[in-house]
Protein backbone atom coordinates (compact mmCIF):
# COMPACT_ATOMS: atom_id res chain seq x y z
CA UNK A 1 -33.75 -14.74 16.88
CA UNK A 2 -33.34 -10.87 16.51
CA UNK A 3 -31.34 -9.73 13.92
CA UNK A 4 -28.19 -7.62 14.89
CA UNK A 5 -28.08 -3.87 13.65
CA UNK A 6 -24.97 -3.07 12.01
CA UNK A 7 -23.67 0.64 13.34
CA UNK A 8 -23.24 2.53 9.85
CA UNK A 9 -19.82 4.14 8.90
CA UNK A 10 -19.15 6.71 6.20
CA UNK A 11 -15.89 5.98 5.00
CA UNK A 12 -14.26 8.95 2.89
CA UNK A 13 -11.56 7.62 0.03
CA UNK A 14 -9.31 10.21 -2.02
CA UNK A 15 -8.56 7.09 -4.44
CA UNK A 16 -10.92 5.25 -5.95
CA UNK A 17 -11.80 1.71 -4.08
CA UNK A 18 -11.09 -0.05 -7.19
CA UNK A 19 -9.18 -1.26 -9.25
CA UNK A 20 -6.82 -2.56 -6.42
CA UNK A 21 -3.45 -1.86 -7.86
CA UNK A 22 -1.23 -0.04 -5.55
CA UNK A 23 -0.75 -0.09 -1.71
CA UNK A 24 -2.94 2.58 -0.50
CA UNK A 25 -5.73 1.08 -2.65
CA UNK A 26 -5.03 -2.27 -1.11
CA UNK A 27 -5.36 -0.91 2.43
CA UNK A 28 -8.45 0.98 1.74
CA UNK A 29 -10.25 -2.20 0.04
CA UNK A 30 -8.88 -4.64 2.42
CA UNK A 31 -9.82 -2.72 5.61
CA UNK A 32 -13.65 -1.72 4.18
CA UNK A 33 -13.92 -4.82 3.08
CA UNK A 34 -13.21 -6.82 6.40
CA UNK A 35 -15.54 -4.20 8.11
CA UNK A 36 -18.37 -4.91 6.45
CA UNK A 37 -18.69 -8.18 8.81
CA UNK A 38 -19.06 -5.40 11.72
CA UNK A 39 -20.71 -2.31 10.37
CA UNK A 40 -22.65 -1.59 7.60
CA UNK A 41 -20.10 0.74 5.46
CA UNK A 42 -20.92 3.93 3.00
CA UNK A 43 -18.16 4.79 0.70
CA UNK A 44 -17.36 7.96 -1.27
CA UNK A 45 -15.00 7.49 -3.77
CA UNK A 46 -13.64 8.94 -6.93
CA UNK A 47 -14.65 7.32 -10.32
CA UNK A 48 -14.22 3.53 -10.11
CA UNK A 49 -12.86 1.54 -13.28
CA UNK A 50 -14.13 -1.65 -12.20
CA UNK A 51 -16.30 -2.50 -9.40
CA UNK A 52 -16.18 -5.82 -7.16
CA UNK A 53 -19.58 -7.26 -6.07
CA UNK A 54 -17.72 -9.43 -3.52
CA UNK A 55 -17.87 -6.50 -0.96
CA UNK A 56 -20.89 -5.64 0.83
CA UNK A 57 -20.84 -1.66 0.95
CA UNK A 58 -23.02 1.07 -0.48
CA UNK A 59 -20.73 3.27 -2.89
CA UNK A 60 -21.29 6.31 -4.12
CA UNK A 61 -19.01 7.76 -6.86
CA UNK A 62 -18.40 11.16 -7.06
CA UNK A 63 -18.11 11.47 -10.70
CA UNK A 64 -21.74 10.80 -11.05
CA UNK A 65 -22.40 13.75 -9.03
CA UNK A 66 -20.28 16.08 -11.06
CA UNK A 67 -17.95 16.80 -8.77
CA UNK A 68 -14.60 18.32 -10.32
CA UNK A 69 -12.32 18.96 -7.43
CA UNK A 70 -12.32 16.06 -4.77
CA UNK A 71 -10.54 18.33 -2.21
CA UNK A 72 -13.38 20.28 -1.07
CA UNK A 73 -16.87 20.86 -2.91
CA UNK A 74 -19.60 22.09 -1.80
CA UNK A 75 -22.16 20.21 -3.39
CA UNK A 76 -20.32 16.99 -2.42
CA UNK A 77 -20.17 18.21 1.41
CA UNK A 78 -24.28 18.66 1.48
CA UNK A 79 -24.81 15.43 0.01
CA UNK A 80 -22.78 13.80 2.42
CA UNK A 81 -24.14 15.78 5.47
CA UNK A 82 -27.78 15.05 3.82
CA UNK A 83 -26.36 11.20 3.59
CA UNK A 84 -25.46 10.79 7.20
CA UNK A 85 -28.74 12.20 8.60
CA UNK A 86 -30.90 10.27 6.64
CA UNK A 87 -29.17 7.22 6.98
CA UNK A 88 -28.61 7.35 10.73
CA UNK A 89 -24.31 7.52 10.46
CA UNK A 90 -22.71 7.43 13.58
CA UNK A 91 -18.81 7.17 12.61
CA UNK A 92 -16.73 9.10 9.76
CA UNK A 93 -13.89 7.02 8.87
CA UNK A 94 -11.31 9.30 6.87
CA UNK A 95 -9.04 6.59 4.96
CA UNK A 96 -6.86 9.46 3.25
CA UNK A 97 -5.70 12.40 4.58
CA UNK A 98 -6.67 14.65 1.33
CA UNK A 99 -10.22 14.09 2.55
CA UNK A 100 -9.42 15.72 5.48
CA UNK A 101 -11.26 18.84 5.00
CA UNK A 102 -14.39 16.94 4.16
CA UNK A 103 -13.91 14.98 7.70
CA UNK A 104 -13.31 18.25 9.62
CA UNK A 105 -16.46 19.98 8.37
CA UNK A 106 -18.91 16.78 8.34
CA UNK A 107 -17.51 16.31 12.15
CA UNK A 108 -18.51 20.20 13.24
CA UNK A 109 -21.72 20.22 11.61
CA UNK A 110 -22.73 16.24 12.23
CA UNK A 111 -20.85 15.89 15.76
CA UNK A 112 -20.35 12.35 14.56
CA UNK A 113 -16.89 11.14 16.10
CA UNK A 114 -14.22 10.96 13.46
CA UNK A 115 -11.46 8.28 13.00
CA UNK A 116 -8.45 8.46 10.71
CA UNK A 117 -6.27 6.02 9.05
CA UNK A 118 -2.79 7.39 8.59
CA UNK A 119 -1.21 5.34 5.74
CA UNK A 120 2.19 7.33 6.21
CA UNK A 121 2.69 10.57 8.66
CA UNK A 122 2.31 12.09 5.67
CA UNK A 123 3.99 15.28 6.27
CA UNK A 124 7.58 13.24 7.00
CA UNK A 125 6.83 11.42 3.53
CA UNK A 126 6.37 14.70 1.67
CA UNK A 127 9.62 15.82 3.64
CA UNK A 128 11.68 13.09 2.48
CA UNK A 129 10.51 13.77 -1.13
CA UNK A 130 11.81 17.32 -1.02
CA UNK A 131 8.49 18.74 -0.96
CA UNK A 132 8.99 22.26 0.22
CA UNK A 133 5.35 23.06 1.30
CA UNK A 134 5.67 19.31 3.76
CA UNK A 135 5.11 22.02 6.75
CA UNK A 136 1.49 23.07 5.49
CA UNK A 137 0.79 19.75 5.69
CA UNK A 138 2.21 19.22 9.12
CA UNK A 139 -0.30 21.63 10.30
CA UNK A 140 -3.31 20.27 8.84
CA UNK A 141 -2.15 16.87 9.76
CA UNK A 142 -1.69 17.95 13.40
CA UNK A 143 -5.38 19.70 13.12
CA UNK A 144 -6.85 16.31 11.83
CA UNK A 145 -5.39 14.52 15.06
CA UNK A 146 -6.74 17.04 17.39
CA UNK A 147 -10.33 16.70 15.48
CA UNK A 148 -10.27 12.76 15.71
CA UNK A 149 -11.58 10.36 18.45
CA UNK A 150 -9.17 7.84 17.17
CA UNK A 151 -6.42 7.29 14.87
CA UNK A 152 -4.97 3.90 13.04
CA UNK A 153 -1.59 4.02 11.89
CA UNK A 154 0.83 1.14 10.14
CA UNK A 155 3.63 0.85 12.51
CA UNK A 156 5.11 1.15 16.12
CA UNK A 157 7.28 3.59 14.35
CA UNK A 158 4.38 5.59 12.84
CA UNK A 159 2.79 6.02 16.12
CA UNK A 160 5.88 7.23 18.21
CA UNK A 161 6.33 9.87 14.91
CA UNK A 162 2.34 10.93 15.22
CA UNK A 163 2.84 11.26 19.10
CA UNK A 164 6.45 13.16 19.01
CA UNK A 165 5.87 15.47 16.20
CA UNK A 166 1.92 15.84 15.72
CA UNK A 167 1.20 16.33 19.43
CA UNK A 168 -1.41 13.61 19.53
CA UNK A 169 -2.44 11.76 22.71
CA UNK A 170 -0.67 8.03 22.59
CA UNK A 171 -4.07 6.69 24.29
CA UNK A 172 -6.26 7.10 20.68
CA UNK A 173 -3.78 5.66 18.37
CA UNK A 174 -3.90 1.98 17.59
CA UNK A 175 -1.38 0.33 15.17
CA UNK A 176 -3.07 -1.54 12.42
CA UNK A 177 -0.39 -2.95 10.32
CA UNK A 178 -0.39 -3.47 6.51
CA UNK A 179 -1.17 -7.31 5.40
CA UNK A 180 -1.64 -9.84 2.63
CA UNK A 181 -4.56 -11.65 1.30
CA UNK A 182 -3.02 -14.67 -0.49
CA UNK A 183 -5.32 -17.79 -1.42
CA UNK A 184 -2.89 -20.60 -1.76
CA UNK A 185 -5.45 -22.61 -4.18
CA UNK A 186 -6.07 -19.84 -6.46
CA UNK A 187 -2.84 -20.06 -7.83
CA UNK A 188 -1.84 -23.69 -7.34
CA UNK A 189 -2.21 -24.60 -11.02
CA UNK A 190 -0.54 -21.54 -12.38
CA UNK A 191 2.13 -22.27 -15.26
CA UNK A 192 5.03 -20.37 -13.79
CA UNK A 193 7.54 -21.27 -16.69
CA UNK A 194 4.95 -20.13 -18.94
CA UNK A 195 4.69 -16.96 -17.32
CA UNK A 196 8.47 -16.48 -17.11
CA UNK A 197 8.91 -17.58 -20.90
CA UNK A 198 6.23 -15.12 -22.10
CA UNK A 199 7.76 -12.49 -20.64
CA UNK A 200 11.01 -12.83 -21.89
CA UNK A 201 12.93 -14.89 -19.08
CA UNK A 202 14.69 -17.89 -20.63
CA UNK A 203 15.29 -21.36 -18.80
CA UNK A 204 18.94 -20.23 -17.67
CA UNK A 205 17.89 -16.83 -16.62
CA UNK A 206 16.78 -15.68 -13.11
CA UNK A 207 13.61 -13.26 -12.78
CA UNK A 208 14.27 -10.25 -10.78
CA UNK A 209 11.26 -8.18 -9.64
CA UNK A 210 10.47 -4.53 -8.77
CA UNK A 211 6.74 -3.43 -8.75
CA UNK A 212 4.60 -0.57 -7.51
CA UNK A 213 3.02 2.71 -8.72
CA UNK A 214 5.28 4.04 -10.80
CA UNK A 215 3.42 7.41 -10.74
CA UNK A 216 4.96 7.64 -6.92
CA UNK A 217 7.89 9.48 -6.62
CA UNK A 218 9.94 7.14 -4.30
CA UNK A 219 9.02 4.14 -6.90
CA UNK A 220 10.45 6.28 -9.57
CA UNK A 221 13.61 7.25 -7.56
CA UNK A 222 14.05 3.53 -7.08
CA UNK A 223 14.14 2.46 -10.83
CA UNK A 224 16.79 5.45 -11.54
CA UNK A 225 18.91 3.63 -8.53
CA UNK A 226 18.49 0.39 -10.32
CA UNK A 227 19.62 1.81 -13.68
CA UNK A 228 22.51 3.89 -12.36
CA UNK A 229 23.57 1.77 -9.01
CA UNK A 230 22.64 -1.65 -9.07
CA UNK A 231 22.39 -3.16 -12.53
CA UNK A 232 26.08 -1.94 -13.50
CA UNK A 233 26.94 -3.75 -10.48
CA UNK A 234 25.45 -7.25 -11.60
CA UNK A 235 25.61 -7.13 -15.33
CA UNK A 236 28.00 -9.91 -16.60
CA UNK A 237 28.22 -11.58 -13.21
CA UNK A 238 24.58 -13.66 -13.70
CA UNK A 239 22.21 -14.24 -16.48
CA UNK A 240 18.84 -12.34 -15.40
CA UNK A 241 15.89 -10.50 -16.84
CA UNK A 242 14.41 -7.77 -14.85
CA UNK A 243 11.05 -7.10 -14.40
CA UNK A 244 9.59 -3.44 -13.83
CA UNK A 245 5.87 -4.12 -13.30
CA UNK A 246 3.31 -0.93 -12.18
CA UNK A 247 0.98 1.67 -13.23
CA UNK A 248 2.31 4.38 -15.02
CA UNK A 249 5.09 4.90 -17.45
CA UNK A 250 8.67 4.45 -16.92
CA UNK A 251 10.57 8.36 -16.66
CA UNK A 252 11.74 10.02 -20.11
CA UNK A 253 15.35 9.45 -18.78
CA UNK A 254 14.87 5.76 -18.17
CA UNK A 255 13.05 5.46 -21.79
CA UNK A 256 15.99 7.15 -23.21
CA UNK A 257 18.42 4.34 -22.25
CA UNK A 258 16.60 0.85 -22.61
CA UNK A 259 18.44 -2.05 -21.20
CA UNK A 260 18.59 -5.33 -22.86
CA UNK A 261 17.72 -7.21 -19.68
CA UNK A 262 14.93 -5.11 -18.30
CA UNK A 263 11.39 -5.59 -19.10
CA UNK A 264 8.49 -3.52 -18.66
CA UNK A 265 5.34 -5.35 -17.69
CA UNK A 266 2.94 -2.31 -17.12
CA UNK A 267 0.14 -2.40 -14.77
CA UNK A 268 -1.07 -6.01 -14.07
CA UNK A 269 -4.84 -6.86 -12.23
CA UNK A 270 -2.96 -9.29 -9.94
CA UNK A 271 0.65 -8.89 -8.89
CA UNK A 272 0.46 -12.58 -7.39
CA UNK A 273 1.41 -14.93 -10.41
CA UNK A 274 4.50 -12.36 -11.31
CA UNK A 275 5.78 -12.60 -7.61
CA UNK A 276 5.21 -16.53 -7.65
CA UNK A 277 7.26 -16.65 -11.27
CA UNK A 278 10.23 -14.29 -9.94
CA UNK A 279 13.15 -15.57 -8.01
CA UNK A 280 13.77 -12.45 -6.29
CA UNK A 281 12.06 -9.23 -5.23
CA UNK A 282 13.87 -5.82 -4.87
CA UNK A 283 13.04 -2.84 -2.92
CA UNK A 284 15.80 -0.19 -3.29
CA UNK A 285 13.71 2.73 -1.83
CA UNK A 286 15.62 5.59 -0.26
CA UNK A 287 12.22 7.98 0.50
CA UNK A 288 8.43 7.63 1.20
CA UNK A 289 6.77 6.47 4.02
CA UNK A 290 4.30 3.83 5.74
CA UNK A 291 5.01 0.15 5.60
CA UNK A 292 5.60 -1.80 1.95
CA UNK A 293 2.70 -3.86 1.28
CA UNK A 294 4.65 -5.29 -1.41
CA UNK A 295 7.34 -6.82 0.82
CA UNK A 296 4.67 -8.54 2.97
CA UNK A 297 2.76 -9.60 -0.18
CA UNK A 298 6.00 -11.32 -1.31
CA UNK A 299 6.81 -12.79 1.87
CA UNK A 300 3.59 -14.29 1.97
CA UNK A 301 4.06 -15.98 -1.57
CA UNK A 302 7.02 -17.54 -0.41
CA UNK A 303 9.60 -15.43 -2.15
CA UNK A 304 12.62 -13.74 -0.86
CA UNK A 305 12.71 -10.02 -0.65
CA UNK A 306 15.78 -7.72 -0.82
CA UNK A 307 15.30 -4.19 0.50
CA UNK A 308 17.05 -1.02 1.88
CA UNK A 309 16.44 -0.55 5.76
CA UNK A 310 14.30 2.53 4.53
CA UNK A 311 12.08 0.15 2.43
CA UNK A 312 11.85 -2.41 5.28
CA UNK A 313 10.79 0.56 7.54
CA UNK A 314 8.05 -0.53 10.17
CA UNK A 315 8.46 -4.22 9.55
CA UNK A 316 9.51 -6.36 12.17
CA UNK A 317 12.20 -8.54 10.60
CA UNK A 318 12.53 -11.01 13.64
CA UNK A 319 12.22 -14.56 12.46
CA UNK A 320 12.44 -13.21 9.12
CA UNK A 321 16.03 -13.20 8.03
CA UNK A 322 15.49 -15.86 5.25
CA UNK A 323 12.75 -13.78 4.03
CA UNK A 324 13.82 -10.34 4.17
CA UNK A 325 17.54 -9.37 3.53
CA UNK A 326 18.39 -5.73 4.08
CA UNK A 327 21.14 -3.94 2.76
CA UNK A 328 21.73 -0.16 2.38
CA UNK A 329 25.11 0.02 0.40
CA UNK A 330 24.99 -0.67 -2.96
CA UNK A 331 28.00 -2.80 -3.89
CA UNK A 332 26.40 -4.89 -1.30
CA UNK A 333 23.05 -4.66 -2.55
CA UNK A 334 24.65 -6.03 -5.93
CA UNK A 335 26.40 -8.50 -3.93
CA UNK A 336 23.09 -10.01 -2.34
CA UNK A 337 21.12 -9.88 -5.59
CA UNK A 338 24.13 -12.34 -7.07
CA UNK A 339 24.25 -14.61 -3.76
CA UNK A 340 20.38 -14.88 -3.16
CA UNK A 341 19.90 -15.47 -6.86
CA UNK A 342 22.57 -18.06 -7.32
CA UNK A 343 21.44 -20.08 -3.96
CA UNK A 344 17.69 -19.45 -5.03
CA UNK A 345 15.45 -22.53 -4.86
CA UNK A 346 11.63 -23.25 -4.30
CA UNK A 347 9.37 -20.99 -2.42
CA UNK A 348 10.45 -20.21 1.51
CA UNK A 349 8.31 -21.45 4.30
CA UNK A 350 6.43 -18.76 5.96
CA UNK A 351 6.83 -18.33 9.46
CA UNK A 352 3.61 -19.04 11.61
CA UNK A 353 4.27 -15.77 13.46
CA UNK A 354 3.96 -14.31 10.31
CA UNK A 355 0.84 -15.56 8.93
CA UNK A 356 -1.06 -15.09 12.39
CA UNK A 357 0.20 -11.34 12.33
CA UNK A 358 -0.23 -10.14 8.91
CA UNK A 359 -3.48 -11.63 7.57
CA UNK A 360 -5.62 -8.87 6.79
CA UNK A 361 -8.81 -10.69 8.26
CA UNK A 362 -6.70 -11.06 11.98
CA UNK A 363 -5.67 -7.30 11.54
CA UNK A 364 -8.74 -5.36 10.99
CA UNK A 365 -10.69 -7.21 13.88
CA UNK A 366 -8.82 -4.83 16.12
CA UNK A 367 -10.43 -1.85 14.46
CA UNK A 368 -13.31 -0.53 16.61
CA UNK A 369 -14.83 2.71 16.44
């Protein structure tokens, strides 16, 4: 039998492919990993702290090539042009908008079609965060969309926004959801009580979890909301500990006013043990963009999630009423925390339609170049 020759794809990542420790990194890793079943993947990435030998890719770490500025470096551009011509690469896959200069130039120099993955409608995310240069990114994002043969985005909402504000053709936009990869067998022997006790939660206390990249401004805003709006409303009404987990540090303002019931866990290589050991995940976001992988991962682990409507933006909630509770008023948000913790029980059943829709393997099958 003749061996099938895989088409060759060059993926451009602005963030390191490893470690997989925040939302964009999860999306990049999972999509590239599952694409290796159909394509030969060449990945250009910033320095990676660790490497995963289970993923069949050819990885080019730009740090080893003396690259100082990953936004635009002529030496890296020359290298990628040479790589594409030498290997016969047929597709450019831009995984982050900040690789856009390279993507456009490679498209112009080689004539190879360009596909882009819009993790967010980026200019809208910056505008919501108060960045005064959002309009510059809007122009650049529109140019990228016009140069691309195909656009992938995370929700129907983002698709509509791309069509409306970036003047892109709807026919070349495909919704590729964020998803989850949860291996039940991997965690079946976890001692959840030990995890809780080792991280400051006593037997009579409930564990609330907030997690995410703490360098990301919307997550930093959410922590301020937790301290200013949520904790004062639940203190004295229920026994709890709140875990804050993620890469980065708490802001100086938060560090100056420690709370006896808040425990900063820092960055963990695997979030699932802490999701499983918690009683409730909260997502009090008021800015940002895209869809929150943290919500999808938590529901996949059978946990209840309490979010603002902004945090749950882009997630269809039909059939998830028990798994995902949405509330925007801070008084009611606090009341929901108390209600959900007082009625918490073992892991929730995960709706079949959720599993079928949000498994990464199933999602990535829809990507075709």
